[in-house]
Amino acid sequence: MTTRSMTDPRPIDVTSWIGGYPFRDVPHPDPEILVRVLDREGFAGAWVGHLPGAFYRDPVPSNRALYAAVAPFAGVLLPAPIVRPDWPGWTEMLRDAVNAGAPAVRAYPAQWGLGPGHPAMAELAFACGEAGVALHVTIRFEDLRQRHPMDSAGDVPAATLRALARLAGSRCQLVVAGAGRELIEETHWGLTPPEQQRVYYDFGWVWGPPEDHFAHLVATIGAERLAWSSWWPLRLTQQSRALVDLLPRHGPSPRAEPNLADGRAILGAARRAAESGLAPENHAGTTSRANR
């Protein structure tokens, strides 16, 4: 991450894409437009994926296009390339991502048919933890009510997320994108406190008033587990800011904005975990040296 993005106090968006979408037209999926959108919506930068690549069998061409597209916007658009762990050469994909300065890599287990507990996803999680990059998992791209009949992959279940978070000895920082309150709670409350600390939830799909799901999550699982996002170009980019602005306020003075996570905070946690030389806390809440 560059000096510019580190010193800008505005949050780093953890979920946005460039490129077209195979099931409907999306407006202006171009990197230069995304830069303007981020500035307008109060983001310092974004973790950017290549949207068409989520539906490719081989991620390499997608990653090549992503690196080339974001290169003119270094410091604002941060590449989050795809690493498919059941595909030949996936370790080279991860190495290329690290060398390109990627803060995270994206995985699409539903599109790849990798269910809960799949060993390839476990290998990827371990490798991301060692490399100091976050693992970004997209639950869904569109609501079931508007999903195209040809989009038959389904949503990533909570069981897949819990399996990744529960890996003994893993240092992986997991970012979950596209989850609503029910899936977030099903995942979070199924983990031990140490495991919970390695999982972050992009809250762009969480409902605000009148249900106030977002306010409930802030009060229960904690704001630090919830991450800023724009979801460009698939959803309204104002969603995250609106949720924060509509949080209930009590008393004569407005409540301070909650300490929400963003790409900067998550990348910092990933790097600290990789550089610490310690294995993460075990189920008893203690730590041990990774080489013991």
C-alpha atoms as a PDB file:
ATOM      1  CA  MET A   1       0.000   0.000   0.000  1.00  0.00           C
ATOM      2  CA  THR A   2       1.417   3.390  -0.954  1.00  0.00           C
ATOM      3  CA  THR A   3       2.204   6.391   1.228  1.00  0.00           C
ATOM      4  CA  ARG A   4      -0.809   8.210  -0.195  1.00  0.00           C
ATOM      5  CA  SER A   5      -3.306   5.551   0.835  1.00  0.00           C
ATOM      6  CA  MET A   6      -1.644   5.110   4.226  1.00  0.00           C
ATOM      7  CA  THR A   7      -1.800   8.813   5.134  1.00  0.00           C
ATOM      8  CA  ASP A   8      -5.268   9.615   3.766  1.00  0.00           C
ATOM      9  CA  PRO A   9      -7.671   9.315   6.739  1.00  0.00           C
ATOM     10  CA  ARG A  10     -10.590   8.189   4.586  1.00  0.00           C
ATOM     11  CA  PRO A  11     -11.369   4.444   4.602  1.00  0.00           C
ATOM     12  CA  ILE A  12     -10.140   1.929   2.051  1.00  0.00           C
ATOM     13  CA  ASP A  13     -13.012   0.136   0.273  1.00  0.00           C
ATOM     14  CA  VAL A  14     -12.575  -3.648   0.507  1.00  0.00           C
ATOM     15  CA  THR A  15     -15.039  -4.682  -2.224  1.00  0.00           C
ATOM     16  CA  SER A  16     -15.185  -3.214  -5.710  1.00  0.00           C
ATOM     17  CA  TRP A  17     -14.631  -4.476  -9.240  1.00  0.00           C
ATOM     18  CA  ILE A  18     -13.806  -3.326 -12.720  1.00  0.00           C
ATOM     19  CA  GLY A  19     -14.917  -5.019 -15.921  1.00  0.00           C
ATOM     20  CA  GLY A  20     -18.189  -6.343 -17.255  1.00  0.00           C
ATOM     21  CA  TYR A  21     -20.721  -8.691 -15.693  1.00  0.00           C
ATOM     22  CA  PRO A  22     -21.998 -11.642 -17.749  1.00  0.00           C
ATOM     23  CA  PHE A  23     -25.626 -11.585 -16.567  1.00  0.00           C
ATOM     24  CA  ARG A  24     -26.616  -7.945 -17.016  1.00  0.00           C
ATOM     25  CA  ASP A  25     -25.224  -4.611 -18.084  1.00  0.00           C
ATOM     26  CA  VAL A  26     -23.451  -2.629 -15.362  1.00  0.00           C
ATOM     27  CA  PRO A  27     -22.765   1.102 -15.709  1.00  0.00           C
ATOM     28  CA  HIS A  28     -19.231   2.372 -16.261  1.00  0.00           C
ATOM     29  CA  PRO A  29     -17.171  -0.597 -15.044  1.00  0.00           C
ATOM     30  CA  ASP A  30     -13.968   1.278 -15.909  1.00  0.00           C
ATOM     31  CA  PRO A  31     -11.054   2.007 -13.556  1.00  0.00           C
ATOM     32  CA  GLU A  32     -11.002   5.747 -14.269  1.00  0.00           C
ATOM     33  CA  ILE A  33     -14.701   5.963 -13.344  1.00  0.00           C
ATOM     34  CA  LEU A  34     -14.129   3.963 -10.167  1.00  0.00           C
ATOM     35  CA  VAL A  35     -11.444   6.437  -9.076  1.00  0.00           C
ATOM     36  CA  ARG A  36     -13.927   9.300  -9.376  1.00  0.00           C
ATOM     37  CA  VAL A  37     -16.636   7.322  -7.572  1.00  0.00           C
ATOM     38  CA  LEU A  38     -14.323   6.538  -4.670  1.00  0.00           C
ATOM     39  CA  ASP A  39     -13.381  10.188  -4.237  1.00  0.00           C
ATOM     40  CA  ARG A  40     -17.032  11.243  -4.404  1.00  0.00           C
ATOM     41  CA  GLU A  41     -18.087   8.679  -1.787  1.00  0.00           C
ATOM     42  CA  GLY A  42     -15.278   9.468   0.633  1.00  0.00           C
ATOM     43  CA  PHE A  43     -12.903   6.534   0.071  1.00  0.00           C
ATOM     44  CA  ALA A  44      -9.132   6.877  -0.086  1.00  0.00           C
ATOM     45  CA  GLY A  45      -8.793   3.823  -2.306  1.00  0.00           C
ATOM     46  CA  ALA A  46     -10.172   0.375  -2.991  1.00  0.00           C
ATOM     47  CA  TRP A  47      -9.308  -3.286  -3.214  1.00  0.00           C
ATOM     48  CA  VAL A  48     -10.259  -3.930  -6.828  1.00  0.00           C
ATOM     49  CA  GLY A  49     -11.136  -7.218  -8.460  1.00  0.00           C
ATOM     50  CA  HIS A  50     -11.716  -8.120 -12.100  1.00  0.00           C
ATOM     51  CA  LEU A  51     -15.426  -8.970 -12.311  1.00  0.00           C
ATOM     52  CA  PRO A  52     -15.412 -11.144 -15.470  1.00  0.00           C
ATOM     53  CA  GLY A  53     -12.663 -13.297 -13.996  1.00  0.00           C
ATOM     54  CA  ALA A  54     -14.970 -14.624 -11.291  1.00  0.00           C
ATOM     55  CA  PHE A  55     -16.629 -16.668 -14.047  1.00  0.00           C
ATOM     56  CA  TYR A  56     -13.456 -17.790 -15.866  1.00  0.00           C
ATOM     57  CA  ARG A  57     -12.106 -21.276 -15.321  1.00  0.00           C
ATOM     58  CA  ASP A  58      -8.518 -20.030 -15.517  1.00  0.00           C
ATOM     59  CA  PRO A  59      -7.872 -16.853 -13.480  1.00  0.00           C
ATOM     60  CA  VAL A  60      -4.557 -15.968 -15.126  1.00  0.00           C
ATOM     61  CA  PRO A  61      -5.950 -13.879 -18.037  1.00  0.00           C
ATOM     62  CA  SER A  62      -8.236 -12.066 -15.597  1.00  0.00           C
ATOM     63  CA  ASN A  63      -5.365 -11.219 -13.281  1.00  0.00           C
ATOM     64  CA  ARG A  64      -3.234 -10.039 -16.184  1.00  0.00           C
ATOM     65  CA  ALA A  65      -6.026  -7.672 -17.265  1.00  0.00           C
ATOM     66  CA  LEU A  66      -6.492  -6.431 -13.697  1.00  0.00           C
ATOM     67  CA  TYR A  67      -2.840  -5.582 -13.139  1.00  0.00           C
ATOM     68  CA  ALA A  68      -2.684  -3.672 -16.427  1.00  0.00           C
ATOM     69  CA  ALA A  69      -5.924  -1.769 -15.769  1.00  0.00           C
ATOM     70  CA  VAL A  70      -5.073  -0.523 -12.271  1.00  0.00           C
ATOM     71  CA  ALA A  71      -1.407   0.280 -12.953  1.00  0.00           C
ATOM     72  CA  PRO A  72      -2.129   3.925 -13.985  1.00  0.00           C
ATOM     73  CA  PHE A  73      -4.012   4.428 -10.704  1.00  0.00           C
ATOM     74  CA  ALA A  74      -1.452   3.018  -8.287  1.00  0.00           C
ATOM     75  CA  GLY A  75      -2.091   4.093  -4.713  1.00  0.00           C
ATOM     76  CA  VAL A  76      -5.836   4.397  -5.240  1.00  0.00           C
ATOM     77  CA  LEU A  77      -6.833   1.170  -7.000  1.00  0.00           C
ATOM     78  CA  LEU A  78      -5.141  -1.732  -5.241  1.00  0.00           C
ATOM     79  CA  PRO A  79      -5.278  -5.047  -7.134  1.00  0.00           C
ATOM     80  CA  ALA A  80      -7.065  -7.938  -5.435  1.00  0.00           C
ATOM     81  CA  PRO A  81      -6.467 -10.703  -7.992  1.00  0.00           C
ATOM     82  CA  ILE A  82      -8.012 -14.159  -8.082  1.00  0.00           C
ATOM     83  CA  VAL A  83      -6.194 -17.193  -6.727  1.00  0.00           C
ATOM     84  CA  ARG A  84      -7.931 -20.469  -7.509  1.00  0.00           C
ATOM     85  CA  PRO A  85      -6.394 -23.115  -5.266  1.00  0.00           C
ATOM     86  CA  ASP A  86      -7.702 -26.139  -7.206  1.00  0.00           C
ATOM     87  CA  TRP A  87      -6.082 -24.903 -10.420  1.00  0.00           C
ATOM     88  CA  PRO A  88      -2.555 -25.697 -11.628  1.00  0.00           C
ATOM     89  CA  GLY A  89      -0.040 -23.005 -10.750  1.00  0.00           C
ATOM     90  CA  TRP A  90      -2.077 -21.369  -7.992  1.00  0.00           C
ATOM     91  CA  THR A  91       1.018 -20.801  -5.871  1.00  0.00           C
ATOM     92  CA  GLU A  92       2.482 -18.757  -8.722  1.00  0.00           C
ATOM     93  CA  MET A  93      -0.748 -16.729  -8.838  1.00  0.00           C
ATOM     94  CA  LEU A  94      -0.330 -15.968  -5.145  1.00  0.00           C
ATOM     95  CA  ARG A  95       3.325 -15.094  -5.564  1.00  0.00           C
ATOM     96  CA  ASP A  96       2.497 -12.733  -8.429  1.00  0.00           C
ATOM     97  CA  ALA A  97      -0.172 -11.081  -6.253  1.00  0.00           C
ATOM     98  CA  VAL A  98       2.295 -10.506  -3.422  1.00  0.00           C
ATOM     99  CA  ASN A  99       4.897  -9.141  -5.835  1.00  0.00           C
ATOM    100  CA  ALA A 100       2.263  -6.768  -7.279  1.00  0.00           C
ATOM    101  CA  GLY A 101       1.544  -5.360  -3.815  1.00  0.00           C
ATOM    102  CA  ALA A 102      -1.925  -6.878  -3.554  1.00  0.00           C
ATOM    103  CA  PRO A 103      -3.440  -6.429  -0.072  1.00  0.00           C
ATOM    104  CA  ALA A 104      -5.787  -9.388  -0.636  1.00  0.00           C
ATOM    105  CA  VAL A 105      -6.612 -12.172  -3.051  1.00  0.00           C
ATOM    106  CA  ARG A 106     -10.119 -13.129  -4.087  1.00  0.00           C
ATOM    107  CA  ALA A 107     -11.683 -16.556  -4.004  1.00  0.00           C
ATOM    108  CA  TYR A 108     -15.038 -17.620  -5.438  1.00  0.00           C
ATOM    109  CA  PRO A 109     -15.696 -21.084  -3.941  1.00  0.00           C
ATOM    110  CA  ALA A 110     -19.343 -21.187  -5.055  1.00  0.00           C
ATOM    111  CA  GLN A 111     -18.409 -20.571  -8.694  1.00  0.00           C
ATOM    112  CA  TRP A 112     -15.644 -23.202  -8.458  1.00  0.00           C
ATOM    113  CA  GLY A 113     -17.724 -25.839  -6.694  1.00  0.00           C
ATOM    114  CA  LEU A 114     -15.496 -25.879  -3.600  1.00  0.00           C
ATOM    115  CA  GLY A 115     -17.721 -26.733  -0.655  1.00  0.00           C
ATOM    116  CA  PRO A 116     -17.195 -26.548   3.118  1.00  0.00           C
ATOM    117  CA  GLY A 117     -13.948 -28.069   4.280  1.00  0.00           C
ATOM    118  CA  HIS A 118     -12.448 -28.411   0.792  1.00  0.00           C
ATOM    119  CA  PRO A 119      -8.695 -29.017   1.234  1.00  0.00           C
ATOM    120  CA  ALA A 120      -7.775 -26.621  -1.579  1.00  0.00           C
ATOM    121  CA  MET A 121      -9.446 -23.702   0.193  1.00  0.00           C
ATOM    122  CA  ALA A 122      -7.653 -24.662   3.407  1.00  0.00           C
ATOM    123  CA  GLU A 123      -4.318 -24.609   1.587  1.00  0.00           C
ATOM    124  CA  LEU A 124      -5.086 -21.180   0.196  1.00  0.00           C
ATOM    125  CA  ALA A 125      -5.991 -19.839   3.637  1.00  0.00           C
ATOM    126  CA  PHE A 126      -2.744 -21.105   5.137  1.00  0.00           C
ATOM    127  CA  ALA A 127      -0.731 -19.638   2.243  1.00  0.00           C
ATOM    128  CA  CYS A 128      -2.441 -16.237   2.538  1.00  0.00           C
ATOM    129  CA  GLY A 129      -1.690 -16.152   6.254  1.00  0.00           C
ATOM    130  CA  GLU A 130       1.969 -16.862   5.643  1.00  0.00           C
ATOM    131  CA  ALA A 131       2.157 -14.299   2.814  1.00  0.00           C
ATOM    132  CA  GLY A 132       0.534 -11.498   4.846  1.00  0.00           C
ATOM    133  CA  VAL A 133      -2.406 -10.927   2.493  1.00  0.00           C
ATOM    134  CA  ALA A 134      -6.098 -11.218   3.299  1.00  0.00           C
ATOM    135  CA  LEU A 135      -8.361 -13.843   1.760  1.00  0.00           C
ATOM    136  CA  HIS A 136     -11.477 -12.202   0.277  1.00  0.00           C
ATOM    137  CA  VAL A 137     -14.502 -14.478  -0.246  1.00  0.00           C
ATOM    138  CA  THR A 138     -17.577 -13.255  -2.137  1.00  0.00           C
ATOM    139  CA  ILE A 139     -20.822 -14.806  -0.894  1.00  0.00           C
ATOM    140  CA  ARG A 140     -22.949 -13.679  -3.854  1.00  0.00           C
ATOM    141  CA  PHE A 141     -23.071 -11.053  -6.569  1.00  0.00           C
ATOM    142  CA  GLU A 142     -26.813 -10.445  -6.726  1.00  0.00           C
ATOM    143  CA  ASP A 143     -29.894 -11.074  -4.630  1.00  0.00           C
ATOM    144  CA  LEU A 144     -31.694 -14.313  -5.439  1.00  0.00           C
ATOM    145  CA  ARG A 145     -34.785 -12.371  -6.505  1.00  0.00           C
ATOM    146  CA  GLN A 146     -32.951 -10.705  -9.392  1.00  0.00           C
ATOM    147  CA  ARG A 147     -30.431 -13.423 -10.213  1.00  0.00           C
ATOM    148  CA  HIS A 148     -30.263 -14.627 -13.788  1.00  0.00           C
ATOM    149  CA  PRO A 149     -31.389 -18.243 -14.326  1.00  0.00           C
ATOM    150  CA  MET A 150     -27.982 -19.047 -15.804  1.00  0.00           C
ATOM    151  CA  ASP A 151     -26.271 -17.882 -12.600  1.00  0.00           C
ATOM    152  CA  SER A 152     -26.658 -21.227 -10.849  1.00  0.00           C
ATOM    153  CA  ALA A 153     -23.672 -21.228  -8.487  1.00  0.00           C
ATOM    154  CA  GLY A 154     -25.630 -20.316  -5.351  1.00  0.00           C
ATOM    155  CA  ASP A 155     -24.353 -18.555  -2.242  1.00  0.00           C
ATOM    156  CA  VAL A 156     -21.324 -19.492  -0.161  1.00  0.00           C
ATOM    157  CA  PRO A 157     -22.688 -21.061   3.068  1.00  0.00           C
ATOM    158  CA  ALA A 158     -21.627 -20.188   6.593  1.00  0.00           C
ATOM    159  CA  ALA A 159     -20.139 -23.681   6.908  1.00  0.00           C
ATOM    160  CA  THR A 160     -17.471 -22.785   4.335  1.00  0.00           C
ATOM    161  CA  LEU A 161     -16.557 -19.605   6.206  1.00  0.00           C
ATOM    162  CA  ARG A 162     -16.413 -21.335   9.577  1.00  0.00           C
ATOM    163  CA  ALA A 163     -14.214 -24.087   8.159  1.00  0.00           C
ATOM    164  CA  LEU A 164     -11.718 -21.486   6.927  1.00  0.00           C
ATOM    165  CA  ALA A 165     -11.735 -19.546  10.194  1.00  0.00           C
ATOM    166  CA  ARG A 166     -11.315 -22.701  12.304  1.00  0.00           C
ATOM    167  CA  LEU A 167      -8.148 -23.971  10.610  1.00  0.00           C
ATOM    168  CA  ALA A 168      -5.716 -24.797  13.399  1.00  0.00           C
ATOM    169  CA  GLY A 169      -2.491 -22.847  13.028  1.00  0.00           C
ATOM    170  CA  SER A 170      -3.829 -20.514  10.334  1.00  0.00           C
ATOM    171  CA  ARG A 171      -2.901 -16.820  10.380  1.00  0.00           C
ATOM    172  CA  CYS A 172      -5.337 -15.965   7.595  1.00  0.00           C
ATOM    173  CA  GLN A 173      -7.400 -12.781   7.861  1.00  0.00           C
ATOM    174  CA  LEU A 174     -10.694 -13.578   6.153  1.00  0.00           C
ATOM    175  CA  VAL A 175     -12.873 -10.903   4.504  1.00  0.00           C
ATOM    176  CA  VAL A 176     -16.473 -11.910   3.784  1.00  0.00           C
ATOM    177  CA  ALA A 177     -18.282  -9.870   1.111  1.00  0.00           C
ATOM    178  CA  GLY A 178     -21.988  -9.951   0.352  1.00  0.00           C
ATOM    179  CA  ALA A 179     -23.330 -11.396   3.617  1.00  0.00           C
ATOM    180  CA  GLY A 180     -26.491 -10.259   5.363  1.00  0.00           C
ATOM    181  CA  ARG A 181     -27.128 -10.250   9.100  1.00  0.00           C
ATOM    182  CA  GLU A 182     -28.225 -13.906   9.243  1.00  0.00           C
ATOM    183  CA  LEU A 183     -25.094 -15.283   7.567  1.00  0.00           C
ATOM    184  CA  ILE A 184     -22.821 -12.982   9.556  1.00  0.00           C
ATOM    185  CA  GLU A 185     -24.326 -14.118  12.844  1.00  0.00           C
ATOM    186  CA  GLU A 186     -24.352 -17.778  11.798  1.00  0.00           C
ATOM    187  CA  THR A 187     -20.640 -17.511  11.069  1.00  0.00           C
ATOM    188  CA  HIS A 188     -19.509 -15.243  13.906  1.00  0.00           C
ATOM    189  CA  TRP A 189     -21.316 -16.985  16.776  1.00  0.00           C
ATOM    190  CA  GLY A 190     -20.124 -20.378  15.537  1.00  0.00           C
ATOM    191  CA  LEU A 191     -16.489 -19.408  16.178  1.00  0.00           C
ATOM    192  CA  THR A 192     -14.349 -19.073  19.272  1.00  0.00           C
ATOM    193  CA  PRO A 193     -13.319 -15.526  20.277  1.00  0.00           C
ATOM    194  CA  PRO A 194      -9.785 -15.941  18.823  1.00  0.00           C
ATOM    195  CA  GLU A 195     -11.240 -17.216  15.543  1.00  0.00           C
ATOM    196  CA  GLN A 196     -13.736 -14.350  15.444  1.00  0.00           C
ATOM    197  CA  GLN A 197     -10.846 -11.875  15.505  1.00  0.00           C
ATOM    198  CA  ARG A 198      -9.577 -13.126  12.132  1.00  0.00           C
ATOM    199  CA  VAL A 199     -12.856 -12.593  10.246  1.00  0.00           C
ATOM    200  CA  TYR A 200     -14.172  -9.291   8.853  1.00  0.00           C
ATOM    201  CA  TYR A 201     -17.543  -8.700   7.196  1.00  0.00           C
ATOM    202  CA  ASP A 202     -18.123  -6.203   4.409  1.00  0.00           C
ATOM    203  CA  PHE A 203     -21.445  -4.678   5.511  1.00  0.00           C
ATOM    204  CA  GLY A 204     -22.653  -3.459   2.128  1.00  0.00           C
ATOM    205  CA  TRP A 205     -25.470  -6.061   2.060  1.00  0.00           C
ATOM    206  CA  VAL A 206     -26.733  -5.489   5.610  1.00  0.00           C
ATOM    207  CA  TRP A 207     -30.137  -3.859   6.105  1.00  0.00           C
ATOM    208  CA  GLY A 208     -30.497  -0.547   7.885  1.00  0.00           C
ATOM    209  CA  PRO A 209     -33.767   0.998   9.126  1.00  0.00           C
ATOM    210  CA  PRO A 210     -36.442   0.011   9.832  1.00  0.00           C
ATOM    211  CA  GLU A 211     -35.055  -3.456  10.630  1.00  0.00           C
ATOM    212  CA  ASP A 212     -31.787  -1.917  11.903  1.00  0.00           C
ATOM    213  CA  HIS A 213     -29.759  -5.056  11.242  1.00  0.00           C
ATOM    214  CA  PHE A 214     -26.598  -2.972  10.909  1.00  0.00           C
ATOM    215  CA  ALA A 215     -27.104  -1.237  14.260  1.00  0.00           C
ATOM    216  CA  HIS A 216     -27.712  -4.639  15.853  1.00  0.00           C
ATOM    217  CA  LEU A 217     -24.458  -6.034  14.442  1.00  0.00           C
ATOM    218  CA  VAL A 218     -22.477  -2.981  15.576  1.00  0.00           C
ATOM    219  CA  ALA A 219     -23.837  -3.482  19.091  1.00  0.00           C
ATOM    220  CA  THR A 220     -23.310  -7.255  19.233  1.00  0.00           C
ATOM    221  CA  ILE A 221     -20.369  -8.473  17.149  1.00  0.00           C
ATOM    222  CA  GLY A 222     -18.625  -5.072  17.248  1.00  0.00           C
ATOM    223  CA  ALA A 223     -17.882  -2.371  14.694  1.00  0.00           C
ATOM    224  CA  GLU A 224     -14.272  -3.520  14.313  1.00  0.00           C
ATOM    225  CA  ARG A 225     -15.512  -6.720  12.619  1.00  0.00           C
ATOM    226  CA  LEU A 226     -17.447  -4.747   9.970  1.00  0.00           C
ATOM    227  CA  ALA A 227     -15.614  -3.347   6.937  1.00  0.00           C
ATOM    228  CA  TRP A 228     -16.293  -0.410   4.602  1.00  0.00           C
ATOM    229  CA  SER A 229     -17.136  -1.149   0.963  1.00  0.00           C
ATOM    230  CA  SER A 230     -18.648   0.439  -2.125  1.00  0.00           C
ATOM    231  CA  TRP A 231     -19.593  -2.701  -4.123  1.00  0.00           C
ATOM    232  CA  TRP A 232     -19.075  -0.769  -7.365  1.00  0.00           C
ATOM    233  CA  PRO A 233     -20.448  -1.406  -9.969  1.00  0.00           C
ATOM    234  CA  LEU A 234     -23.015  -3.960  -8.747  1.00  0.00           C
ATOM    235  CA  ARG A 235     -24.745  -2.021  -5.954  1.00  0.00           C
ATOM    236  CA  LEU A 236     -25.396   1.531  -4.808  1.00  0.00           C
ATOM    237  CA  THR A 237     -22.090   2.928  -3.612  1.00  0.00           C
ATOM    238  CA  GLN A 238     -23.831   5.112  -0.996  1.00  0.00           C
ATOM    239  CA  GLN A 239     -25.076   2.075   0.951  1.00  0.00           C
ATOM    240  CA  SER A 240     -22.245   1.839   3.488  1.00  0.00           C
ATOM    241  CA  ARG A 241     -22.174   5.556   4.301  1.00  0.00           C
ATOM    242  CA  ALA A 242     -25.975   5.626   4.611  1.00  0.00           C
ATOM    243  CA  LEU A 243     -25.910   2.733   7.089  1.00  0.00           C
ATOM    244  CA  VAL A 244     -23.430   4.572   9.291  1.00  0.00           C
ATOM    245  CA  ASP A 245     -25.276   7.883   9.038  1.00  0.00           C
ATOM    246  CA  LEU A 246     -28.556   6.179  10.018  1.00  0.00           C
ATOM    247  CA  LEU A 247     -27.234   4.519  13.157  1.00  0.00           C
ATOM    248  CA  PRO A 248     -29.485   5.330  16.136  1.00  0.00           C
ATOM    249  CA  ARG A 249     -28.265   8.274  18.213  1.00  0.00           C
ATOM    250  CA  HIS A 250     -29.223   8.877  21.801  1.00  0.00           C
ATOM    251  CA  GLY A 251     -28.753  11.887  24.036  1.00  0.00           C
ATOM    252  CA  PRO A 252     -28.203  15.566  23.263  1.00  0.00           C
ATOM    253  CA  SER A 253     -25.001  15.108  21.259  1.00  0.00           C
ATOM    254  CA  PRO A 254     -24.431  12.869  18.211  1.00  0.00           C
ATOM    255  CA  ARG A 255     -22.629   9.626  18.876  1.00  0.00           C
ATOM    256  CA  ALA A 256     -19.114   9.344  17.483  1.00  0.00           C
ATOM    257  CA  GLU A 257     -18.752   7.247  14.345  1.00  0.00           C
ATOM    258  CA  PRO A 258     -18.007   3.608  15.234  1.00  0.00           C
ATOM    259  CA  ASN A 259     -14.510   2.255  14.744  1.00  0.00           C
ATOM    260  CA  LEU A 260     -15.241   0.269  11.597  1.00  0.00           C
ATOM    261  CA  ALA A 261     -12.604  -1.762   9.780  1.00  0.00           C
ATOM    262  CA  ASP A 262     -11.336  -0.990   6.293  1.00  0.00           C
ATOM    263  CA  GLY A 263      -8.692  -2.238   3.905  1.00  0.00           C
ATOM    264  CA  ARG A 264      -5.923  -0.423   5.749  1.00  0.00           C
ATOM    265  CA  ALA A 265      -6.781  -2.016   9.098  1.00  0.00           C
ATOM    266  CA  ILE A 266      -7.243  -5.501   7.641  1.00  0.00           C
ATOM    267  CA  LEU A 267      -3.976  -5.403   5.692  1.00  0.00           C
ATOM    268  CA  GLY A 268      -2.198  -4.268   8.847  1.00  0.00           C
ATOM    269  CA  ALA A 269      -3.635  -7.220  10.758  1.00  0.00           C
ATOM    270  CA  ALA A 270      -2.597  -9.625   7.983  1.00  0.00           C
ATOM    271  CA  ARG A 271       0.962  -8.326   7.943  1.00  0.00           C
ATOM    272  CA  ARG A 272       1.283  -8.386  11.736  1.00  0.00           C
ATOM    273  CA  ALA A 273       0.057 -11.981  11.816  1.00  0.00           C
ATOM    274  CA  ALA A 274       2.525 -13.022   9.113  1.00  0.00           C
ATOM    275  CA  GLU A 275       5.477 -11.253  10.719  1.00  0.00           C
ATOM    276  CA  SER A 276       4.807 -12.149  14.348  1.00  0.00           C
ATOM    277  CA  GLY A 277       6.356 -15.603  14.269  1.00  0.00           C
ATOM    278  CA  LEU A 278       3.468 -16.790  16.434  1.00  0.00           C
ATOM    279  CA  ALA A 279       0.715 -19.185  15.584  1.00  0.00           C
ATOM    280  CA  PRO A 280      -2.739 -17.733  16.208  1.00  0.00           C
ATOM    281  CA  GLU A 281      -4.481 -18.363  19.482  1.00  0.00           C
ATOM    282  CA  ASN A 282      -5.779 -21.881  19.873  1.00  0.00           C
ATOM    283  CA  HIS A 283      -9.189 -22.937  21.091  1.00  0.00           C
ATOM    284  CA  ALA A 284      -8.156 -22.464  24.721  1.00  0.00           C
ATOM    285  CA  GLY A 285      -7.246 -18.824  24.041  1.00  0.00           C
ATOM    286  CA  THR A 286      -3.467 -19.248  24.438  1.00  0.00           C
ATOM    287  CA  THR A 287      -0.693 -18.806  21.914  1.00  0.00           C
ATOM    288  CA  SER A 288       2.222 -20.979  20.940  1.00  0.00           C
ATOM    289  CA  ARG A 289       5.197 -20.757  18.642  1.00  0.00           C
ATOM    290  CA  ALA A 290       4.421 -21.962  15.157  1.00  0.00           C
ATOM    291  CA  ASN A 291       7.507 -24.217  15.095  1.00  0.00           C
ATOM    292  CA  ARG A 292       6.822 -25.974  18.390  1.00  0.00           C
END
